[in-house]
Structures are given as C-alpha cells and as structure tokens.
C-alpha cells in the first residue's frame, strides 16, 4: 500500500478539517499570503480573529484593510486503529 506523508493514498483514509488562517494582501489587493506566526492555522474563527486583532495593534505593516481571517480546509489523515 502506497503512503504519502503518512496518508493512505490507496484507500484515501483522510478527512478534511475546517481551519482558519490569517491572510495578508499585497498592494494588488489579493490575499495570497498566510501569516504563519504564532501558528499556521487556528481551529476556531474566534481564536484567529483574536490573533488578527493583536497583529493589527502590534505590527506596523498589518492593517484592517490588508488582513483577513479566511476559512480553509486541512487534509487530516485518519489514525490507524
């Protein structure tokens, strides 16, 4: 059975987990960048919004208009039983 990074590629034993990221836009207005500090993603929208607000307060380059919280999905391998 072929595996890719711990996932069962043959039987596709994976699930999609809803996560939230903090996305940053460049001058073109496209939110192409993901802010990965302190975490790459957050499990709740509330936690992501809290971190976004802290970034706006503390980082000069992060503003209300160039930073959003975006829902995405993470592929999560199912654990072997």
N, C-alpha and C. Protein backbone atom coordinates (compact mmCIF):
# COMPACT_ATOMS: atom_id res chain seq x y z
N UNK A 1 0.85 -1.17 0.00
CA UNK A 1 0.00 0.00 0.00
C UNK A 1 0.90 1.24 0.00
N UNK A 2 0.65 2.15 -0.91
CA UNK A 2 1.46 3.37 -1.03
C UNK A 2 1.01 4.41 0.00
N UNK A 3 1.97 5.04 0.63
CA UNK A 3 1.65 6.12 1.56
C UNK A 3 2.38 7.39 1.14
N UNK A 4 1.74 8.50 1.36
CA UNK A 4 2.32 9.82 1.09
C UNK A 4 2.23 10.61 2.38
N UNK A 5 3.39 10.91 2.98
CA UNK A 5 3.42 11.65 4.24
C UNK A 5 2.45 11.10 5.27
N UNK A 6 2.41 9.79 5.42
CA UNK A 6 1.58 9.17 6.43
C UNK A 6 0.12 8.99 6.03
N UNK A 7 -0.25 9.37 4.82
CA UNK A 7 -1.63 9.20 4.38
C UNK A 7 -1.75 7.93 3.54
N UNK A 8 -2.86 7.27 3.63
CA UNK A 8 -3.14 6.07 2.85
C UNK A 8 -3.69 6.52 1.49
N UNK A 9 -2.82 6.59 0.49
CA UNK A 9 -3.22 7.09 -0.83
C UNK A 9 -4.16 6.12 -1.53
N UNK A 10 -3.98 4.83 -1.28
CA UNK A 10 -4.80 3.83 -1.97
C UNK A 10 -6.25 3.86 -1.51
N UNK A 11 -6.47 3.92 -0.22
CA UNK A 11 -7.83 3.90 0.32
C UNK A 11 -8.33 5.29 0.70
N UNK A 12 -7.48 6.30 0.58
CA UNK A 12 -7.83 7.69 0.87
C UNK A 12 -8.45 7.85 2.26
N UNK A 13 -7.78 7.34 3.26
CA UNK A 13 -8.26 7.42 4.64
C UNK A 13 -7.88 8.77 5.23
N UNK A 14 -8.55 9.79 4.75
CA UNK A 14 -8.30 11.14 5.23
C UNK A 14 -9.63 11.85 5.44
N UNK A 15 -9.59 12.92 6.22
CA UNK A 15 -10.75 13.77 6.39
C UNK A 15 -10.31 15.22 6.19
N UNK A 16 -11.26 16.07 5.93
CA UNK A 16 -10.98 17.49 5.82
C UNK A 16 -11.37 18.16 7.13
N UNK A 17 -10.45 18.91 7.68
CA UNK A 17 -10.69 19.62 8.93
C UNK A 17 -10.80 21.10 8.62
N UNK A 18 -11.88 21.73 9.07
CA UNK A 18 -12.07 23.16 8.87
C UNK A 18 -11.11 23.92 9.79
N UNK A 19 -10.33 24.82 9.21
CA UNK A 19 -9.39 25.63 9.98
C UNK A 19 -9.50 27.08 9.50
N UNK A 20 -8.91 27.99 10.26
CA UNK A 20 -8.92 29.41 9.93
C UNK A 20 -7.49 29.91 9.86
N UNK A 21 -7.21 30.72 8.85
CA UNK A 21 -5.88 31.29 8.69
C UNK A 21 -6.00 32.81 8.64
N UNK A 22 -4.87 33.47 8.89
CA UNK A 22 -4.81 34.92 8.77
C UNK A 22 -4.12 35.21 7.45
N UNK A 23 -4.88 35.80 6.54
CA UNK A 23 -4.37 36.07 5.19
C UNK A 23 -4.02 37.55 5.07
N UNK A 24 -2.90 37.81 4.40
CA UNK A 24 -2.44 39.18 4.16
C UNK A 24 -2.47 39.48 2.67
N UNK A 25 -2.81 40.72 2.35
CA UNK A 25 -2.84 41.15 0.95
C UNK A 25 -1.66 42.06 0.66
N UNK A 26 -1.19 41.97 -0.58
CA UNK A 26 -0.19 42.92 -1.06
C UNK A 26 -0.93 44.11 -1.65
N UNK A 27 -0.20 44.99 -2.27
CA UNK A 27 -0.79 46.21 -2.80
C UNK A 27 -1.83 45.96 -3.88
N UNK A 28 -1.80 44.79 -4.53
CA UNK A 28 -2.78 44.47 -5.57
C UNK A 28 -4.14 44.06 -4.99
N UNK A 29 -4.22 43.91 -3.66
CA UNK A 29 -5.48 43.58 -3.01
C UNK A 29 -5.80 42.10 -2.94
N UNK A 30 -4.93 41.25 -3.47
CA UNK A 30 -5.15 39.82 -3.41
C UNK A 30 -4.59 39.26 -2.10
N UNK A 31 -5.40 38.48 -1.40
CA UNK A 31 -4.99 37.89 -0.12
C UNK A 31 -4.27 36.57 -0.37
N UNK A 32 -3.05 36.67 -0.87
CA UNK A 32 -2.26 35.50 -1.27
C UNK A 32 -1.30 34.99 -0.20
N UNK A 33 -1.07 35.75 0.83
CA UNK A 33 -0.06 35.38 1.84
C UNK A 33 -0.74 34.93 3.12
N UNK A 34 -0.21 33.88 3.73
CA UNK A 34 -0.72 33.38 5.00
C UNK A 34 0.28 33.75 6.10
N UNK A 35 -0.21 34.42 7.14
CA UNK A 35 0.63 34.80 8.27
C UNK A 35 0.79 33.56 9.15
N UNK A 36 2.01 33.08 9.32
CA UNK A 36 2.23 31.79 9.99
C UNK A 36 2.75 31.89 11.42
N UNK A 37 2.86 33.09 11.95
CA UNK A 37 3.35 33.24 13.32
C UNK A 37 2.26 33.87 14.16
N UNK A 38 1.85 33.38 15.27
CA UNK A 38 2.46 32.30 16.04
C UNK A 38 2.06 30.90 15.57
N UNK A 39 0.98 30.77 14.77
CA UNK A 39 0.60 29.44 14.29
C UNK A 39 0.21 29.53 12.82
N UNK A 40 0.33 28.41 12.13
CA UNK A 40 -0.04 28.35 10.72
C UNK A 40 -1.56 28.44 10.53
N UNK A 41 -2.31 27.82 11.43
CA UNK A 41 -3.77 27.85 11.34
C UNK A 41 -4.36 27.75 12.74
N UNK A 42 -5.66 28.08 12.83
CA UNK A 42 -6.38 28.09 14.10
C UNK A 42 -7.63 27.23 13.95
N UNK A 43 -8.01 26.56 15.01
CA UNK A 43 -9.16 25.65 14.95
C UNK A 43 -10.50 26.37 15.09
N UNK A 44 -10.47 27.60 15.62
CA UNK A 44 -11.71 28.37 15.74
C UNK A 44 -11.53 29.75 15.10
N UNK A 45 -12.61 30.27 14.59
CA UNK A 45 -12.58 31.60 14.00
C UNK A 45 -12.30 32.65 15.07
N UNK A 46 -12.83 32.45 16.27
CA UNK A 46 -12.64 33.40 17.36
C UNK A 46 -11.14 33.55 17.71
N UNK A 47 -10.43 32.43 17.77
CA UNK A 47 -9.00 32.48 18.07
C UNK A 47 -8.24 33.21 16.96
N UNK A 48 -8.58 32.93 15.72
CA UNK A 48 -7.92 33.60 14.60
C UNK A 48 -8.20 35.10 14.61
N UNK A 49 -9.43 35.49 14.92
CA UNK A 49 -9.77 36.91 14.99
C UNK A 49 -9.02 37.61 16.12
N UNK A 50 -8.86 36.93 17.24
CA UNK A 50 -8.12 37.50 18.36
C UNK A 50 -6.67 37.77 17.97
N UNK A 51 -6.03 36.80 17.32
CA UNK A 51 -4.65 36.97 16.88
C UNK A 51 -4.56 38.06 15.82
N UNK A 52 -5.52 38.10 14.90
CA UNK A 52 -5.54 39.15 13.87
C UNK A 52 -5.58 40.53 14.52
N UNK A 53 -6.44 40.70 15.51
CA UNK A 53 -6.54 42.00 16.19
C UNK A 53 -5.24 42.37 16.90
N UNK A 54 -4.58 41.39 17.50
CA UNK A 54 -3.29 41.65 18.13
C UNK A 54 -2.23 42.05 17.10
N UNK A 55 -2.25 41.41 15.95
CA UNK A 55 -1.31 41.76 14.88
C UNK A 55 -1.54 43.19 14.39
N UNK A 56 -2.80 43.56 14.24
CA UNK A 56 -3.12 44.93 13.80
C UNK A 56 -2.62 45.95 14.81
N UNK A 57 -2.75 45.64 16.09
CA UNK A 57 -2.28 46.55 17.14
C UNK A 57 -0.75 46.64 17.19
N UNK A 58 -0.06 45.52 16.96
CA UNK A 58 1.37 45.46 17.23
C UNK A 58 2.28 45.49 16.01
N UNK A 59 1.78 45.17 14.84
CA UNK A 59 2.61 45.13 13.64
C UNK A 59 2.26 46.30 12.73
N UNK A 60 3.24 47.11 12.44
CA UNK A 60 3.01 48.30 11.63
C UNK A 60 2.48 47.98 10.24
N UNK A 61 2.93 46.89 9.66
CA UNK A 61 2.55 46.55 8.29
C UNK A 61 1.19 45.85 8.18
N UNK A 62 0.61 45.45 9.31
CA UNK A 62 -0.68 44.75 9.30
C UNK A 62 -1.78 45.75 9.66
N UNK A 63 -2.77 45.87 8.76
CA UNK A 63 -3.86 46.82 8.96
C UNK A 63 -5.21 46.13 8.80
N UNK A 64 -6.27 46.85 9.14
CA UNK A 64 -7.63 46.33 8.97
C UNK A 64 -7.91 45.97 7.51
N UNK A 65 -7.35 46.75 6.59
CA UNK A 65 -7.69 46.56 5.18
C UNK A 65 -6.83 45.51 4.47
N UNK A 66 -5.67 45.16 5.03
CA UNK A 66 -4.82 44.18 4.33
C UNK A 66 -4.71 42.85 5.06
N UNK A 67 -5.61 42.61 6.01
CA UNK A 67 -5.54 41.39 6.81
C UNK A 67 -6.95 40.87 7.07
N UNK A 68 -7.17 39.60 6.72
CA UNK A 68 -8.49 38.98 6.96
C UNK A 68 -8.30 37.59 7.57
N UNK A 69 -9.38 37.10 8.16
CA UNK A 69 -9.42 35.71 8.61
C UNK A 69 -10.18 34.94 7.53
N UNK A 70 -9.59 33.85 7.10
CA UNK A 70 -10.13 33.10 5.97
C UNK A 70 -10.32 31.64 6.38
N UNK A 71 -11.49 31.07 6.05
CA UNK A 71 -11.73 29.65 6.34
C UNK A 71 -11.09 28.81 5.23
N UNK A 72 -10.37 27.79 5.64
CA UNK A 72 -9.76 26.86 4.69
C UNK A 72 -9.96 25.45 5.23
N UNK A 73 -9.43 24.48 4.51
CA UNK A 73 -9.55 23.09 4.94
C UNK A 73 -8.18 22.44 4.94
N UNK A 74 -7.93 21.66 5.96
CA UNK A 74 -6.67 20.94 6.11
C UNK A 74 -6.96 19.45 5.94
N UNK A 75 -6.14 18.79 5.13
CA UNK A 75 -6.28 17.35 4.96
C UNK A 75 -5.66 16.68 6.19
N UNK A 76 -6.46 15.88 6.83
CA UNK A 76 -6.04 15.24 8.08
C UNK A 76 -6.14 13.73 7.92
N UNK A 77 -4.99 13.03 8.00
CA UNK A 77 -5.05 11.57 7.87
C UNK A 77 -5.79 10.95 9.07
N UNK A 78 -6.57 9.93 8.79
CA UNK A 78 -7.23 9.21 9.89
C UNK A 78 -6.20 8.34 10.58
N UNK A 79 -6.31 8.25 11.89
CA UNK A 79 -5.37 7.44 12.65
C UNK A 79 -5.70 5.97 12.52
N UNK A 80 -4.63 5.17 12.43
CA UNK A 80 -4.80 3.71 12.38
C UNK A 80 -5.35 3.22 13.72
N UNK A 81 -6.20 2.22 13.65
CA UNK A 81 -6.76 1.70 14.90
C UNK A 81 -6.23 0.33 15.19
